[in-house]
């Protein structure tokens, strides 16, 4: 049987979970998961995320480099007040401007840059999928079960999807895109079918991701809490 491309999802809202709390917290997001009729293939886009958010981080350090010496000077000159070494019209842009830039980058510019980079690199065919070196490649025949549940780590409010191999090894992902579950359903329904199990998930997650979950089959509905 020839291998066919089923589709996939790539986004800053996806990430591969590890056993390291530090890595999960700071080096997680920016990932792509793609399915073929024979494999699950994962690509990391963390480099795009790190580069995009390095700019506001550097601006934040620059802001601290201005703020802290200014505060130290002011306390030395007048501990009961907060004098400025230069007029307000000079200091205000230096103290407020970098902070505004940091917020602008974090809220809008950096996510937009990451999204555009990922969309540009996202494979859309089996040929493109095989051109890049994957972060992870799992044979469908080796996957025994898929488990969808809520992540106990409060930093990750999205559903956690775990692929359990026949060897017992597990691969978990933080999934922040509802359309992922639609493609997952097609992947698991192939012959032989892969079992999908649910653990208790919050009602808010069920409501948000229900379109994708419905595509997994009427008999596979998650319990709610």
Protein backbone atom coordinates (compact mmCIF):
# COMPACT_ATOMS: atom_id res chain seq x y z
CA UNK A 1 0.00 0.00 0.00
CA UNK A 2 1.38 3.41 -0.97
CA UNK A 3 1.90 6.04 1.70
CA UNK A 4 -0.52 8.96 1.46
CA UNK A 5 -0.46 12.36 3.13
CA UNK A 6 -3.38 12.90 5.52
CA UNK A 7 -2.57 16.40 6.71
CA UNK A 8 -1.21 18.02 9.79
CA UNK A 9 -1.12 21.05 12.05
CA UNK A 10 1.79 23.39 12.71
CA UNK A 11 1.51 26.27 15.14
CA UNK A 12 3.09 28.13 18.00
CA UNK A 13 0.21 26.68 20.03
CA UNK A 14 1.58 23.14 19.70
CA UNK A 15 4.46 21.61 21.60
CA UNK A 16 6.05 18.30 22.41
CA UNK A 17 6.05 17.65 26.15
CA UNK A 18 9.10 16.22 27.91
CA UNK A 19 9.97 14.99 31.38
CA UNK A 20 11.76 18.27 32.09
CA UNK A 21 9.65 20.95 33.78
CA UNK A 22 12.18 23.61 32.75
CA UNK A 23 12.13 22.55 29.12
CA UNK A 24 8.35 22.41 29.06
CA UNK A 25 8.14 25.88 30.50
CA UNK A 26 10.63 27.69 28.29
CA UNK A 27 11.47 25.60 25.24
CA UNK A 28 8.19 23.99 24.37
CA UNK A 29 6.06 25.72 21.80
CA UNK A 30 6.42 25.94 18.08
CA UNK A 31 5.75 22.46 16.71
CA UNK A 32 4.15 20.66 13.80
CA UNK A 33 2.48 17.22 13.81
CA UNK A 34 1.73 15.59 10.47
CA UNK A 35 0.08 12.31 9.59
CA UNK A 36 0.44 9.94 6.68
CA UNK A 37 -1.23 6.59 6.19
CA UNK A 38 1.86 4.95 7.72
CA UNK A 39 3.51 7.46 10.04
CA UNK A 40 3.22 10.29 12.52
CA UNK A 41 5.93 12.88 11.90
CA UNK A 42 6.81 15.80 14.16
CA UNK A 43 8.83 18.91 13.37
CA UNK A 44 10.08 21.45 15.88
CA UNK A 45 9.79 25.15 15.18
CA UNK A 46 11.19 26.26 18.53
CA UNK A 47 14.04 28.08 16.79
CA UNK A 48 11.52 30.46 15.19
CA UNK A 49 9.91 31.06 18.57
CA UNK A 50 13.19 31.70 20.38
CA UNK A 51 14.46 34.11 17.73
CA UNK A 52 11.17 36.03 17.59
CA UNK A 53 11.02 36.50 21.36
CA UNK A 54 14.74 37.27 21.70
CA UNK A 55 14.10 40.80 20.39
CA UNK A 56 11.65 41.85 23.15
CA UNK A 57 13.87 40.14 25.73
CA UNK A 58 16.84 42.29 24.65
CA UNK A 59 14.67 45.42 24.73
CA UNK A 60 13.54 44.47 28.23
CA UNK A 61 17.16 44.17 29.36
CA UNK A 62 17.86 47.59 27.85
CA UNK A 63 14.90 49.01 29.77
CA UNK A 64 16.24 47.55 33.01
CA UNK A 65 19.65 49.02 32.15
CA UNK A 66 18.02 52.46 32.08
CA UNK A 67 15.57 52.05 34.96
CA UNK A 68 17.85 50.59 37.64
CA UNK A 69 20.67 53.18 37.38
CA UNK A 70 18.04 55.95 37.31
CA UNK A 71 16.44 54.61 40.51
CA UNK A 72 19.83 54.18 42.18
CA UNK A 73 20.82 57.75 41.29
CA UNK A 74 17.50 59.12 42.52
CA UNK A 75 17.71 57.31 45.87
CA UNK A 76 21.26 58.49 46.38
CA UNK A 77 20.39 62.13 45.70
CA UNK A 78 17.11 62.18 47.63
CA UNK A 79 16.00 59.00 49.49
CA UNK A 80 12.59 60.58 50.23
CA UNK A 81 11.81 61.48 46.63
CA UNK A 82 12.55 60.35 43.13
CA UNK A 83 14.47 63.04 41.26
CA UNK A 84 15.46 62.47 37.66
CA UNK A 85 18.96 63.11 36.28
CA UNK A 86 17.40 64.78 33.22
CA UNK A 87 14.10 66.59 32.55
CA UNK A 88 10.93 64.54 32.36
CA UNK A 89 10.56 65.09 28.61
CA UNK A 90 13.94 63.38 28.18
CA UNK A 91 13.51 60.56 30.71
CA UNK A 92 9.87 59.65 29.99
CA UNK A 93 10.52 58.23 26.48
CA UNK A 94 13.56 56.33 27.81
CA UNK A 95 11.60 54.79 30.70
CA UNK A 96 8.24 54.20 29.01
CA UNK A 97 9.19 53.65 25.37
CA UNK A 98 11.12 50.35 25.74
CA UNK A 99 8.37 48.89 27.93
CA UNK A 100 5.74 49.75 25.31
CA UNK A 101 7.91 48.10 22.66
CA UNK A 102 8.25 44.92 24.76
CA UNK A 103 4.47 44.65 25.19
CA UNK A 104 3.91 45.30 21.47
CA UNK A 105 6.36 42.58 20.48
CA UNK A 106 5.09 39.99 22.97
CA UNK A 107 1.40 40.58 22.26
CA UNK A 108 1.46 41.11 18.49
CA UNK A 109 4.71 41.32 16.53
CA UNK A 110 6.50 38.20 17.82
CA UNK A 111 3.48 35.86 17.55
CA UNK A 112 2.80 37.21 14.06
CA UNK A 113 6.41 36.60 13.01
CA UNK A 114 6.35 33.04 14.37
CA UNK A 115 3.02 32.31 12.66
CA UNK A 116 4.27 33.55 9.29
CA UNK A 117 7.54 31.60 9.57
CA UNK A 118 5.74 28.38 10.50
CA UNK A 119 3.17 28.76 7.73
CA UNK A 120 5.97 29.26 5.24
CA UNK A 121 7.77 26.10 6.38
CA UNK A 122 4.67 23.93 6.88
CA UNK A 123 4.66 20.84 4.62
CA UNK A 124 1.55 20.41 2.50
CA UNK A 125 2.41 17.18 0.67
CA UNK A 126 4.22 13.91 1.21
CA UNK A 127 7.12 15.15 -0.93
CA UNK A 128 7.61 18.25 1.20
CA UNK A 129 7.22 16.15 4.32
CA UNK A 130 10.18 13.95 3.42
CA UNK A 131 12.50 16.82 2.54
CA UNK A 132 13.03 17.96 6.11
CA UNK A 133 14.69 16.11 8.95
CA UNK A 134 11.95 15.34 11.52
CA UNK A 135 12.19 15.78 15.24
CA UNK A 136 10.09 12.63 15.63
CA UNK A 137 8.86 9.86 13.36
CA UNK A 138 6.51 7.13 14.64
CA UNK A 139 5.35 4.19 12.58
CA UNK A 140 1.57 3.85 12.71
CA UNK A 141 1.86 0.08 13.09
CA UNK A 142 3.84 0.61 16.32
CA UNK A 143 1.21 2.85 17.99
CA UNK A 144 -1.08 0.89 20.29
CA UNK A 145 -3.23 3.64 21.79
CA UNK A 146 -3.95 7.37 21.82
CA UNK A 147 -4.98 9.07 25.06
CA UNK A 148 -6.49 12.54 25.29
CA UNK A 149 -6.73 14.23 28.68
CA UNK A 150 -6.15 17.50 30.49
CA UNK A 151 -2.63 18.47 31.44
CA UNK A 152 -2.17 18.63 35.23
CA UNK A 153 0.41 21.41 34.74
CA UNK A 154 -1.53 24.67 35.10
CA UNK A 155 0.76 26.36 32.55
CA UNK A 156 -0.76 24.25 29.78
CA UNK A 157 -4.55 24.66 29.62
CA UNK A 158 -4.86 22.83 26.28
CA UNK A 159 -5.63 19.12 25.90
CA UNK A 160 -2.71 16.72 26.19
CA UNK A 161 -2.51 13.98 23.57
CA UNK A 162 -0.34 10.96 24.32
CA UNK A 163 0.67 8.29 21.83
CA UNK A 164 1.56 5.00 23.50
CA UNK A 165 3.77 2.64 21.53
CA UNK A 166 3.60 -1.16 21.66
CA UNK A 167 6.91 -1.04 23.54
CA UNK A 168 5.26 1.05 26.28
CA UNK A 169 7.07 4.26 25.39
CA UNK A 170 4.92 7.38 25.36
CA UNK A 171 5.05 10.65 23.43
CA UNK A 172 2.93 13.54 24.70
CA UNK A 173 1.96 16.80 23.03
CA UNK A 174 0.32 20.01 24.16
CA UNK A 175 -2.39 20.62 21.55
CA UNK A 176 -3.75 24.14 21.08
CA UNK A 177 -5.49 23.69 17.72
CA UNK A 178 -8.95 22.05 17.46
CA UNK A 179 -8.40 20.95 13.84
CA UNK A 180 -5.68 18.58 15.02
CA UNK A 181 -8.32 16.17 16.31
CA UNK A 182 -10.08 16.01 12.96
CA UNK A 183 -6.90 14.80 11.28
CA UNK A 184 -6.14 12.51 14.21
CA UNK A 185 -9.53 10.88 13.72
CA UNK A 186 -8.75 10.03 10.09
CA UNK A 187 -5.36 8.67 11.13
CA UNK A 188 -6.81 6.40 13.83
CA UNK A 189 -9.68 5.12 11.69
CA UNK A 190 -7.37 3.55 9.13
CA UNK A 191 -7.00 -0.24 9.10
CA UNK A 192 -6.16 -1.55 11.61
CA UNK A 193 -7.84 1.09 13.78
CA UNK A 194 -5.99 2.64 16.72
CA UNK A 195 -7.83 2.81 20.03
CA UNK A 196 -8.56 6.29 21.40
CA UNK A 197 -9.25 6.72 25.10
CA UNK A 198 -10.25 9.78 27.09
CA UNK A 199 -9.61 10.75 30.64
CA UNK A 200 -11.62 13.41 32.43
CA UNK A 201 -11.33 16.84 30.82
CA UNK A 202 -12.80 20.18 31.84
CA UNK A 203 -16.11 21.18 30.28
CA UNK A 204 -14.50 24.34 28.86
CA UNK A 205 -12.06 22.18 26.89
CA UNK A 206 -14.87 19.97 25.62
CA UNK A 207 -16.78 23.00 24.34
CA UNK A 208 -13.72 24.53 22.67
CA UNK A 209 -12.48 21.35 21.00
CA UNK A 210 -15.79 19.59 20.38
CA UNK A 211 -15.72 20.04 16.56
CA UNK A 212 -12.54 18.01 16.32
CA UNK A 213 -13.62 15.54 18.97
CA UNK A 214 -16.91 14.89 17.16
CA UNK A 215 -14.89 13.79 14.15
CA UNK A 216 -13.32 11.04 16.24
CA UNK A 217 -16.62 9.19 16.41
CA UNK A 218 -19.86 9.25 18.32
CA UNK A 219 -18.70 6.49 20.64
CA UNK A 220 -15.56 8.27 21.74
CA UNK A 221 -16.68 11.19 23.82
CA UNK A 222 -14.60 12.49 26.72
CA UNK A 223 -15.92 12.58 30.24
CA UNK A 224 -16.31 16.06 31.67
CA UNK A 225 -15.70 17.62 35.03
